[in-house]
Protein backbone atom coordinates (compact mmCIF):
# COMPACT_ATOMS: atom_id res chain seq x y z
CA MET A 1 0.15 -0.16 0.11
CA HIS A 2 2.94 2.13 0.09
CA ASN A 3 3.72 5.07 -2.16
CA ASN A 4 7.07 6.75 -3.21
CA GLY A 5 4.75 10.09 -3.94
CA THR A 6 3.22 12.04 -1.64
CA THR A 7 -0.09 13.48 -0.54
CA ARG A 8 -1.89 16.57 -1.80
CA LYS A 9 -0.87 18.42 1.18
CA THR A 10 2.93 16.86 1.27
CA LEU A 11 3.16 17.97 -2.63
CA LEU A 12 2.08 21.89 -1.33
CA THR A 13 4.64 21.75 1.26
CA LEU A 14 7.43 20.50 -0.95
CA LEU A 15 6.47 22.98 -3.52
CA PHE A 16 6.69 25.77 -1.37
CA CYS A 17 10.05 24.72 -0.25
CA LEU A 18 11.42 24.13 -3.63
CA THR A 19 10.03 27.86 -4.45
CA ALA A 20 12.08 28.88 -1.40
CA ALA A 21 15.18 27.45 -2.39
CA LEU A 22 15.13 28.69 -5.94
CA ALA A 23 14.39 32.35 -5.23
CA ALA A 24 18.28 33.45 -5.55
CA GLY A 25 18.75 36.33 -2.61
CA GLY A 26 15.66 35.72 -1.13
CA GLN A 27 16.68 33.06 1.42
CA THR A 28 16.85 33.46 5.32
CA ALA A 29 19.41 31.50 7.12
CA VAL A 30 18.14 28.21 8.92
CA ARG A 31 18.98 27.03 12.31
CA ASN A 32 21.19 23.76 12.46
CA PRO A 33 20.34 20.82 12.98
CA ILE A 34 18.84 21.59 9.53
CA LEU A 35 16.97 18.31 10.10
CA TRP A 36 16.02 17.82 14.07
CA ALA A 37 14.83 14.34 13.40
CA ASP A 38 16.37 10.96 13.32
CA ALA A 39 18.68 10.49 9.84
CA PRO A 40 21.84 8.73 11.10
CA ASP A 41 24.75 7.95 8.95
CA PRO A 42 24.07 10.32 6.19
CA ASP A 43 25.73 9.84 2.66
CA ILE A 44 25.37 12.70 0.15
CA ILE A 45 26.20 13.13 -3.67
CA ARG A 46 25.68 15.87 -6.04
CA THR A 47 24.98 15.41 -9.55
CA GLY A 48 24.95 18.78 -11.75
CA ASP A 49 22.62 20.93 -9.53
CA ASP A 50 20.84 17.83 -7.65
CA PHE A 51 22.02 16.71 -4.27
CA TRP A 52 20.90 13.19 -2.83
CA LEU A 53 20.91 11.95 0.63
CA VAL A 54 20.46 8.68 2.34
CA THR A 55 20.26 7.74 5.69
CA THR A 56 19.45 4.87 8.06
CA THR A 57 16.04 3.37 8.83
CA MET A 58 17.14 -0.35 10.15
CA HIS A 59 13.99 -2.57 10.81
CA LEU A 60 11.49 0.13 9.37
CA MET A 61 10.04 -1.02 6.09
CA PRO A 62 10.18 0.55 3.09
CA GLY A 63 13.97 1.25 4.27
CA ALA A 64 16.57 3.38 3.03
CA PRO A 65 15.02 6.47 2.56
CA VAL A 66 16.46 8.58 -0.49
CA MET A 67 16.22 12.49 -0.29
CA HIS A 68 16.77 15.41 -3.00
CA SER A 69 17.63 18.65 -2.48
CA ARG A 70 18.95 21.98 -4.67
CA ASP A 71 19.95 23.81 -1.51
CA LEU A 72 21.22 21.35 0.91
CA ILE A 73 18.65 22.38 3.45
CA HIS A 74 15.14 21.38 1.95
CA TRP A 75 15.06 18.01 1.33
CA GLU A 76 12.31 16.11 -0.43
CA LEU A 77 11.84 12.14 0.06
CA THR A 78 11.86 10.86 -3.66
CA SER A 79 11.84 6.97 -2.96
CA TYR A 80 13.11 4.19 -0.91
CA LEU A 81 15.95 1.56 -1.86
CA PHE A 82 13.34 -1.37 -1.16
CA ASP A 83 9.78 -2.17 0.41
CA ARG A 84 10.97 -5.34 2.49
CA LEU A 85 13.79 -7.53 3.30
CA SER A 86 13.42 -11.06 3.72
CA ASP A 87 16.68 -12.97 4.13
CA THR A 88 15.68 -14.13 7.74
CA PRO A 89 12.04 -14.79 9.00
CA LYS A 90 13.31 -12.19 11.68
CA TYR A 91 12.06 -9.55 9.25
CA ASP A 92 8.34 -10.66 9.76
CA MET A 93 9.19 -11.00 13.84
CA GLN A 94 9.50 -14.73 13.42
CA GLY A 95 12.28 -16.38 15.66
CA GLY A 96 13.37 -13.10 16.54
CA THR A 97 13.49 -9.21 15.40
CA VAL A 98 16.26 -6.96 13.86
CA TYR A 99 15.53 -4.46 16.08
CA GLY A 100 18.78 -1.97 15.44
CA ARG A 101 19.86 -4.16 12.64
CA GLY A 102 18.72 -4.62 9.24
CA GLN A 103 19.65 -1.81 7.06
CA TRP A 104 22.74 0.38 7.78
CA ALA A 105 25.10 2.76 6.76
CA THR A 106 24.15 3.12 3.17
CA SER A 107 26.66 4.27 0.71
CA LEU A 108 25.40 6.48 -2.49
CA ARG A 109 27.39 6.76 -5.68
CA TYR A 110 26.71 8.06 -9.27
CA HIS A 111 28.87 6.60 -12.23
CA ASP A 112 28.77 6.64 -15.78
CA GLY A 113 24.74 7.57 -15.91
CA THR A 114 23.68 5.22 -12.77
CA TYR A 115 23.06 5.75 -9.60
CA TYR A 116 24.51 3.11 -6.95
CA ALA A 117 23.80 2.72 -3.15
CA LEU A 118 25.37 -0.17 -1.16
CA PHE A 119 24.46 -1.29 2.53
CA SER A 120 25.05 -4.42 4.59
CA PRO A 121 22.61 -5.33 7.11
CA ASN A 122 23.98 -6.06 10.52
CA ASP A 123 22.42 -9.87 10.96
CA GLU A 124 22.46 -12.90 9.23
CA PRO A 125 23.22 -14.07 6.57
CA TYR A 126 25.79 -10.93 6.69
CA ARG A 127 25.62 -10.15 2.76
CA ALA A 128 25.38 -6.81 1.04
CA TYR A 129 22.99 -5.07 -1.07
CA ILE A 130 23.46 -3.09 -4.13
CA TYR A 131 21.01 -1.27 -5.54
CA LYS A 132 21.15 0.81 -8.96
CA THR A 133 18.55 3.05 -10.69
CA ASP A 134 18.72 5.64 -13.49
CA ASP A 135 16.86 8.35 -11.34
CA PRO A 136 16.26 7.77 -7.55
CA ARG A 137 12.47 9.62 -8.49
CA HIS A 138 11.47 6.16 -10.21
CA GLY A 139 12.73 3.81 -7.39
CA TRP A 140 15.48 1.34 -7.42
CA GLN A 141 16.11 -2.48 -8.52
CA LEU A 142 18.60 -5.25 -6.91
CA HIS A 143 21.81 -4.95 -8.72
CA THR A 144 23.50 -7.79 -6.33
CA ARG A 145 24.75 -9.37 -3.12
CA THR A 146 28.13 -8.93 -2.46
CA ASP A 147 30.31 -10.00 0.80
CA HIS A 148 29.66 -7.97 3.81
CA PHE A 149 31.24 -4.41 4.43
CA HIS A 150 30.41 -2.80 7.96
CA ASP A 151 29.65 0.88 7.37
CA ALA A 152 31.09 1.01 4.00
CA SER A 153 31.79 3.67 1.19
CA LEU A 154 31.94 2.66 -2.15
CA PHE A 155 34.13 4.26 -4.63
CA PHE A 156 34.53 4.56 -8.46
CA ASP A 157 38.31 5.62 -8.98
CA ASP A 158 39.25 7.40 -12.16
CA ASP A 159 41.03 4.77 -13.87
CA GLY A 160 37.58 2.73 -13.83
CA ARG A 161 38.56 0.59 -10.79
CA VAL A 162 35.80 -0.29 -8.21
CA TYR A 163 36.62 0.07 -4.35
CA VAL A 164 34.78 -0.49 -0.78
CA PHE A 165 36.63 1.17 2.33
CA SER A 166 34.95 -0.59 5.24
CA GLU A 167 35.21 -1.31 9.03
CA GLN A 168 38.32 0.35 10.32
CA GLY A 169 40.05 1.23 7.42
CA ARG A 170 40.05 -1.86 5.62
CA LEU A 171 40.11 -1.60 1.53
CA ARG A 172 38.99 -4.45 -0.87
CA GLU A 173 38.28 -3.90 -4.66
CA LEU A 174 35.39 -5.17 -6.51
CA THR A 175 34.96 -6.34 -10.05
CA ALA A 176 34.03 -3.58 -12.57
CA ASP A 177 30.52 -5.11 -12.77
CA LEU A 178 30.06 -4.86 -9.16
CA THR A 179 28.68 -8.03 -8.63
CA GLY A 180 31.36 -9.41 -5.91
CA LEU A 181 35.13 -8.96 -4.73
CA LYS A 182 37.53 -8.89 -7.81
CA PRO A 183 39.77 -12.04 -7.91
CA GLY A 184 43.45 -11.13 -6.36
CA GLY A 185 42.32 -7.38 -6.33
CA THR A 186 43.21 -5.01 -3.51
CA ASP A 187 42.75 -6.45 -0.12
CA THR A 188 44.47 -4.50 2.57
CA VAL A 189 44.18 -2.46 5.76
CA VAL A 190 44.88 0.89 4.61
CA ILE A 191 44.56 2.76 8.02
CA ARG A 192 46.65 1.71 11.37
CA ARG A 193 45.83 2.98 14.91
CA ASP A 194 47.52 5.30 16.45
CA ALA A 195 47.95 5.84 20.24
CA GLU A 196 45.04 8.13 20.01
CA GLU A 197 42.63 6.01 18.78
CA THR A 198 41.72 3.93 21.74
CA GLY A 199 38.30 3.39 20.82
CA LEU A 200 35.43 3.87 18.21
CA LEU A 201 36.69 3.99 14.72
CA GLU A 202 34.06 3.62 11.83
CA GLY A 203 31.44 5.27 9.44
CA SER A 204 33.76 5.23 6.38
CA ARG A 205 33.03 8.26 3.69
CA VAL A 206 35.55 8.69 0.67
CA VAL A 207 35.60 11.59 -1.49
CA LYS A 208 38.45 12.16 -4.15
CA TYR A 209 39.68 16.13 -4.56
CA ASP A 210 42.70 17.47 -6.42
CA GLY A 211 43.91 14.02 -6.93
CA ARG A 212 44.03 13.17 -3.32
CA TYR A 213 42.19 10.65 -1.36
CA TYR A 214 40.31 11.64 1.80
CA LEU A 215 38.56 8.93 4.10
CA LEU A 216 36.69 10.72 6.75
CA MET A 217 35.92 8.42 9.90
CA ILE A 218 34.14 8.89 13.20
CA SER A 219 36.51 8.57 16.03
CA TRP A 220 35.73 8.29 19.74
CA PRO A 221 39.07 7.58 22.14
CA GLN A 222 38.15 6.31 25.66
CA GLY A 223 37.54 8.85 27.98
CA LYS A 224 37.77 11.70 25.32
CA PRO A 225 35.16 13.60 23.14
CA ARG A 226 33.92 12.22 19.95
CA ARG A 227 35.15 13.83 16.67
CA GLN A 228 35.09 13.60 13.01
CA LEU A 229 38.52 12.49 11.54
CA CYS A 230 39.83 12.77 7.91
CA TYR A 231 42.41 10.62 6.61
CA ARG A 232 44.52 11.82 3.28
CA ALA A 233 46.68 10.02 0.92
CA ASP A 234 48.22 10.55 -2.68
CA ARG A 235 47.65 6.86 -3.57
CA ILE A 236 44.21 5.01 -2.60
CA THR A 237 46.14 2.19 -0.92
CA GLY A 238 48.18 4.86 1.47
CA PRO A 239 50.08 5.80 3.33
CA TYR A 240 47.59 8.07 4.94
CA GLU A 241 47.81 10.90 7.30
CA LYS A 242 45.29 11.90 9.91
CA ARG A 243 43.95 14.84 10.79
CA VAL A 244 40.88 15.85 13.50
CA ILE A 245 38.57 18.26 11.37
CA LEU A 246 35.53 18.93 13.77
CA GLU A 247 35.25 18.40 17.54
CA ASP A 248 31.84 20.51 18.51
CA ALA A 249 29.65 19.89 21.65
CA PHE A 250 27.18 21.91 19.59
CA ALA A 251 24.28 23.77 21.60
CA GLY A 252 25.07 21.62 24.63
CA PHE A 253 24.00 18.46 23.06
CA PRO A 254 26.82 15.78 22.68
CA TYR A 255 29.94 16.27 20.44
CA VAL A 256 29.04 16.08 16.64
CA GLY A 257 30.42 13.25 14.47
CA GLN A 258 30.08 10.96 11.49
CA GLY A 259 29.27 12.32 8.14
CA THR A 260 30.62 13.31 5.02
CA ILE A 261 31.60 16.49 2.67
CA VAL A 262 30.00 17.39 -0.93
CA ASP A 263 31.00 19.93 -2.96
CA ALA A 264 28.46 22.46 -4.54
CA PRO A 265 28.08 23.50 -8.16
CA ASP A 266 29.93 26.83 -7.40
CA GLY A 267 32.81 24.90 -5.94
CA ARG A 268 31.85 25.55 -2.40
CA TRP A 269 32.29 22.40 0.13
CA TYR A 270 29.92 21.81 2.49
CA GLY A 271 29.82 19.18 5.65
CA LEU A 272 26.46 16.96 6.73
CA ILE A 273 27.58 15.54 10.15
CA PHE A 274 24.83 14.11 12.44
CA GLN A 275 24.69 14.40 16.27
CA ASP A 276 23.01 12.72 18.84
CA ARG A 277 20.40 14.50 20.67
CA GLY A 278 18.68 11.98 22.91
CA ALA A 279 15.62 10.48 22.55
CA VAL A 280 14.87 12.49 19.13
CA GLY A 281 17.70 10.36 17.51
CA ARG A 282 20.58 11.54 15.66
CA VAL A 283 19.83 14.71 13.45
CA LEU A 284 21.75 16.15 10.55
CA THR A 285 23.80 19.33 10.99
CA LEU A 286 25.13 21.26 7.97
CA MET A 287 28.39 23.42 8.01
CA PRO A 288 30.81 25.14 5.59
CA VAL A 289 34.10 23.38 4.69
CA SER A 290 37.29 25.41 4.44
CA TRP A 291 40.08 23.68 2.48
CA GLU A 292 43.28 24.65 4.71
CA ASP A 293 46.61 23.07 3.39
CA GLY A 294 44.59 20.66 1.65
CA TRP A 295 42.61 19.69 4.63
CA PRO A 296 38.36 20.12 4.64
CA MET A 297 37.96 21.86 7.98
CA LEU A 298 34.83 21.97 9.56
CA HIS A 299 35.83 23.50 12.74
CA ARG A 300 32.62 24.09 14.53
CA VAL A 301 28.81 23.98 13.49
CA PRO A 302 26.80 27.23 12.52
CA GLU A 303 24.12 28.04 14.80
CA THR A 304 22.75 29.14 11.55
CA ILE A 305 23.52 28.58 7.95
CA ALA A 306 22.30 30.34 4.73
CA PRO A 307 20.91 27.85 2.03
CA TYR A 308 23.44 26.92 -0.45
CA GLY A 309 22.23 29.26 -3.65
CA ALA A 310 21.53 32.07 -1.24
CA ALA A 311 22.91 35.85 -1.84
CA PRO A 312 26.36 35.89 -0.50
CA GLY A 313 26.22 37.65 3.26
CA ASN A 314 22.38 37.06 3.55
CA GLU A 315 22.80 36.18 6.79
CA ALA A 316 20.24 36.21 9.91
CA THR A 317 20.46 35.91 13.52
CA ALA A 318 19.80 33.19 15.72
CA ASP A 319 16.36 34.79 16.45
CA GLU A 320 15.52 35.49 12.82
CA ALA A 321 16.54 32.08 11.07
CA ALA A 322 13.55 29.87 10.02
CA ALA A 323 12.92 26.66 11.44
CA ALA A 324 14.38 23.78 10.10
CA PRO A 325 12.52 21.52 7.06
CA SER A 326 10.24 18.88 8.41
CA LEU A 327 10.40 15.37 7.75
CA VAL A 328 6.79 14.42 9.36
CA VAL A 329 3.67 15.19 7.80
CA SER A 330 0.04 15.09 8.63
CA ASP A 331 -1.73 12.98 6.94
CA ALA A 332 -5.87 12.78 6.10
CA PHE A 333 -5.52 9.19 5.10
CA ASP A 334 -7.90 10.05 1.89
CA ALA A 335 -5.70 8.62 -0.91
CA PRO A 336 -5.47 4.94 -1.94
CA THR A 337 -2.04 4.45 -0.78
CA LEU A 338 0.09 5.65 2.17
CA ASP A 339 2.06 8.62 2.34
CA ALA A 340 5.72 7.99 1.80
CA HIS A 341 6.53 9.25 5.39
CA TRP A 342 4.76 6.38 6.84
CA GLN A 343 7.24 3.03 7.62
CA TRP A 344 6.44 -0.21 9.32
CA ASN A 345 7.94 -1.60 11.99
CA HIS A 346 9.40 -4.76 10.02
CA ASN A 347 7.60 -6.27 7.28
CA PRO A 348 4.14 -5.26 6.96
CA ILE A 349 1.19 -7.95 6.40
CA ALA A 350 -0.59 -6.79 3.47
CA ALA A 351 -4.09 -8.00 4.67
CA GLY A 352 -3.69 -6.57 7.91
CA HIS A 353 -4.33 -2.54 6.79
CA SER A 354 -6.44 -1.23 4.16
CA LEU A 355 -7.21 2.74 3.28
CA THR A 356 -9.97 2.00 1.10
CA GLU A 357 -12.46 -0.40 3.08
CA ARG A 358 -13.58 2.78 4.88
CA ALA A 359 -13.07 6.04 2.76
CA GLY A 360 -10.87 8.68 4.84
CA TRP A 361 -9.85 6.13 7.14
CA LEU A 362 -6.75 4.10 7.64
CA ARG A 363 -8.06 0.30 9.13
CA LEU A 364 -5.81 -1.87 11.11
CA LYS A 365 -6.66 -5.22 11.56
CA THR A 366 -5.58 -8.16 13.81
CA THR A 367 -4.11 -10.89 11.93
CA ARG A 368 -2.13 -12.80 14.62
CA THR A 369 -1.39 -12.69 18.12
CA ALA A 370 1.11 -11.14 19.60
CA PRO A 371 1.99 -10.78 23.43
CA ASN A 372 2.95 -7.05 23.49
CA LEU A 373 3.43 -3.89 21.17
CA TYR A 374 7.02 -5.18 19.95
CA LEU A 375 6.09 -8.28 18.41
CA ALA A 376 2.78 -6.86 17.26
CA PRO A 377 2.68 -6.64 12.96
CA ASN A 378 1.72 -3.57 11.20
CA THR A 379 2.53 -0.73 13.54
CA LEU A 380 2.88 2.10 11.37
CA SER A 381 4.97 5.26 12.24
CA GLN A 382 6.99 8.41 11.59
CA ARG A 383 9.68 10.15 13.15
CA MET A 384 9.24 12.62 15.88
CA GLU A 385 11.10 16.12 15.56
CA GLY A 386 12.09 18.60 17.82
CA PRO A 387 12.30 21.33 19.55
CA ARG A 388 9.01 20.30 20.04
CA CYS A 389 5.93 18.50 18.35
CA THR A 390 2.62 17.34 18.86
CA ALA A 391 0.29 15.05 17.22
CA THR A 392 -3.19 14.09 17.21
CA VAL A 393 -5.37 11.01 15.94
CA GLU A 394 -8.68 10.19 15.77
CA MET A 395 -9.96 6.46 16.37
CA ASP A 396 -12.92 4.15 16.03
CA VAL A 397 -12.82 1.25 18.32
CA SER A 398 -15.94 -0.16 17.91
CA GLN A 399 -14.70 -3.06 16.21
CA MET A 400 -12.07 -4.49 18.46
CA ARG A 401 -12.23 -7.73 20.06
CA ASN A 402 -12.02 -8.72 23.72
CA GLY A 403 -8.22 -9.06 24.26
CA ASP A 404 -7.27 -6.37 21.43
CA CYS A 405 -4.91 -3.60 22.53
CA ALA A 406 -4.83 -0.62 20.03
CA GLY A 407 -3.68 3.28 20.21
CA PHE A 408 -1.15 6.20 19.77
CA ALA A 409 2.74 5.51 21.28
CA ALA A 410 6.02 7.38 21.77
CA PHE A 411 7.52 4.29 20.58
CA ASN A 412 10.93 3.26 21.24
CA GLY A 413 13.03 0.67 23.32
CA HIS A 414 11.33 2.75 26.00
CA THR A 415 7.93 3.41 25.20
CA GLY A 416 4.95 5.38 26.53
CA ALA A 417 1.52 4.74 24.87
CA LEU A 418 -1.92 5.88 25.28
CA CYS A 419 -3.80 2.02 24.98
CA ILE A 420 -7.18 1.32 24.63
CA ARG A 421 -8.10 -2.28 25.68
CA ARG A 422 -11.12 -4.08 24.88
CA GLU A 423 -11.61 -6.64 27.91
CA ARG A 424 -15.07 -8.52 28.93
CA ASN A 425 -17.01 -6.45 26.46
CA LYS A 426 -15.71 -3.32 27.96
CA TRP A 427 -13.13 -0.53 27.00
CA TRP A 428 -10.61 0.77 28.83
CA LEU A 429 -7.96 3.92 28.03
CA SER A 430 -4.79 3.83 29.85
CA THR A 431 -1.38 5.11 29.79
CA GLU A 432 1.18 2.71 29.71
CA HIS A 433 5.19 2.68 29.95
CA TYR A 434 7.42 -0.48 28.15
CA ALA A 435 11.01 -1.34 28.22
CA VAL A 436 11.41 -4.02 25.91
CA ASN A 437 14.37 -6.80 26.26
CA LEU A 438 15.95 -8.20 24.01
CA THR A 439 18.62 -11.36 23.51
CA ASP A 440 22.16 -10.37 22.49
CA LYS A 441 22.06 -12.66 19.22
CA GLU A 442 18.62 -12.98 17.62
CA LYS A 443 17.45 -9.92 19.08
CA ALA A 444 14.01 -12.03 20.60
CA VAL A 445 11.70 -10.03 22.67
CA THR A 446 11.98 -11.89 25.90
CA SER A 447 10.16 -9.54 28.06
CA VAL A 448 8.50 -6.12 28.46
CA ASP A 449 8.73 -4.56 31.96
CA ALA A 450 5.43 -2.46 31.69
CA GLU A 451 3.52 -0.19 34.13
CA THR A 452 0.27 1.50 33.62
CA THR A 453 0.61 5.04 35.03
CA ALA A 454 -3.39 5.71 34.84
CA ARG A 455 -6.68 3.89 33.49
CA ILE A 456 -9.92 5.14 32.74
CA PRO A 457 -12.72 3.59 31.41
CA LEU A 458 -13.99 4.54 27.87
CA HIS A 459 -17.86 5.08 26.97
CA ALA A 460 -17.88 6.13 23.50
CA LYS A 461 -16.23 4.33 20.85
CA ARG A 462 -14.88 7.26 19.21
CA ILE A 463 -11.76 8.95 20.86
CA PHE A 464 -9.11 11.56 20.31
CA LEU A 465 -5.61 10.96 21.20
CA ARG A 466 -2.50 13.38 21.56
CA ILE A 467 0.82 13.22 22.38
CA ASP A 468 3.09 16.34 22.74
CA ALA A 469 6.72 15.50 22.91
CA ASP A 470 9.62 18.27 23.86
CA PHE A 471 13.23 17.75 22.96
CA ARG A 472 14.87 20.62 23.95
CA LEU A 473 18.22 20.18 25.99
CA GLY A 474 17.68 18.32 29.16
CA ARG A 475 13.80 17.24 28.42
CA ASP A 476 12.90 14.38 26.32
CA ILE A 477 9.58 14.29 27.72
CA ALA A 478 6.22 13.22 26.43
CA THR A 479 3.04 14.04 27.45
CA PHE A 480 -0.41 12.18 26.77
CA TYR A 481 -4.12 13.76 26.06
CA TYR A 482 -7.29 12.62 25.38
CA SER A 483 -10.51 14.05 24.03
CA THR A 484 -14.03 12.79 23.00
CA ASN A 485 -14.56 16.14 20.64
CA GLY A 486 -10.83 17.05 19.71
CA LYS A 487 -11.11 19.99 21.08
CA GLN A 488 -11.59 20.18 25.04
CA TRP A 489 -8.46 18.06 26.14
CA ALA A 490 -7.74 15.95 29.67
CA PRO A 491 -4.14 15.17 30.39
CA LEU A 492 -3.60 11.25 31.32
CA GLY A 493 -0.68 9.51 33.20
CA GLY A 494 1.88 12.31 33.46
CA GLU A 495 5.13 12.95 31.66
CA PHE A 496 6.96 10.31 30.23
CA GLN A 497 10.77 10.35 30.21
CA MET A 498 11.82 9.19 26.53
CA ARG A 499 15.19 7.54 25.76
CA PHE A 500 17.40 6.28 23.21
CA ASP A 501 18.97 3.16 23.72
CA TYR A 502 21.35 1.45 21.47
CA ARG A 503 20.81 -1.97 22.98
CA ARG A 504 17.43 -1.79 22.34
CA LEU A 505 15.97 -0.24 19.04
CA PHE A 506 18.69 2.25 18.28
CA MET A 507 16.63 4.79 16.82
CA GLY A 508 14.80 7.97 17.83
CA THR A 509 11.35 7.96 19.28
CA ARG A 510 8.41 7.91 16.67
CA TYR A 511 4.96 8.70 16.65
CA ALA A 512 3.17 5.06 16.19
CA LEU A 513 -0.27 4.06 15.48
CA PHE A 514 -0.97 0.43 16.54
CA ASN A 515 -3.51 -2.28 17.13
CA TYR A 516 -3.00 -6.34 18.25
CA ALA A 517 -4.59 -8.93 19.06
CA THR A 518 -3.54 -11.36 22.34
CA ARG A 519 -6.30 -14.04 22.27
CA GLN A 520 -8.07 -14.00 18.86
CA THR A 521 -7.74 -12.15 15.23
CA GLY A 522 -10.50 -10.45 13.65
CA GLY A 523 -10.93 -7.49 15.06
CA TYR A 524 -9.95 -3.71 13.79
CA VAL A 525 -9.90 -0.06 14.58
CA ASP A 526 -10.26 2.71 12.10
CA PHE A 527 -7.84 5.91 12.23
CA ASN A 528 -9.31 9.24 10.87
CA GLY A 529 -6.60 11.27 9.73
CA PHE A 530 -3.28 12.32 11.58
CA ASP A 531 -2.74 15.60 12.64
CA TYR A 532 1.09 16.51 13.14
CA GLN A 533 2.68 20.34 14.19
CA ARG A 534 6.41 21.02 14.48
CA LYS A 535 6.74 23.48 17.45
CA GLN A 536 9.62 25.98 18.29
């Protein structure tokens, strides 16, 4: 049911953004982060006047979102690399899960008229995917499967040879047709840790500039700040020398690190690097590159930055700067396919959802029993955004069956949810807090720590639910409300402390619509729209 296009409302938003980006000299600066939403492991390339961006979405389906921009700030979602993955039953939450695994750190490239994207799921069977397309707007097709490459960077050299940088500085050569490793080709470790590199070293991104090779990696020495490194060499196999190009705890949040650099049509360069911001996830910051003695120095993250293409000197103070563009959209559910900004938790079950059985409503049907939300099929989600955001849904719960649980959640490894349960032919509304416990290998759900903080009887079968989120520094708070008319709201359950936990789901907290059966299948709930607003 998914659609790589957008709803009418989304198209109007994107048209506004594109118009603003093309209005030479008329743009105002935008605050960093330019995307205050979960968009980790970015890779970015340019073809002509077009910039293309891909980020990580792991266990979410469809996966590997590819976005387009003309100014490096206003990004339009154009496609996903895939609709679903099926290497193991765990993608269907059978015999385990792929929470925090799945698609990781995709590398995006353009070569001889074709776009390529390479990623390796961090899970069995540990085989990489390479997708290709003539135009990212028109979707992607699987080109081949290859050996596993952790945090890889695909690279086409000027002499026609093809390489992959991965792991902690390993370089391997592919065949010219990208179908596998080249027999007898280059296979060597080009980066040797020095005395400073005592911790994390990964996140390869490679560019070639003025005849030199530049390998960007994230570094996190033990007991020291995270930072962005650059290794450079005159030959692809080295020797490489190192420079710290960014070490900045921007806006009081943790240190910025992991990303890449890209050149603009006028020769200027920019860095796109993510920053961990707690429960909202890993957000994108943009900054100018200053080439100094042949090094791409980033120095610091600017509080505001003008879009590429803006007239020189067209700056704004922090108070005057426009808000960052949004990656989350409202949806009236009035189209026959879902808006592209929605993603399912693991592979969806096609028979479990419909946009046509009741016009203007999204129907979520129970198709198999599940003991808890983390094993519930067809949970549908969008990102949350900072600094604050709010979203409202209207639900018709009249067709739930005894034992069913449906509602609206701030979904993550630690989840706060507004839950509607039918028990003994009565309906109850509660706020519930969950923390999922997973095995290390299979990511199987062993248990869920659950707490109910408030519970009231529900007499009407039409109910409005609202979740407000505050991601300002030191907050990460969600609050929950309900209404019988969508106008007067009552709080329920108090504040919920949202969290980012890489040991669990390894993602930012998301708005989630859910419905699952604990006893018998056949029930359903209907959602009459998703109304979203980002706030300062």
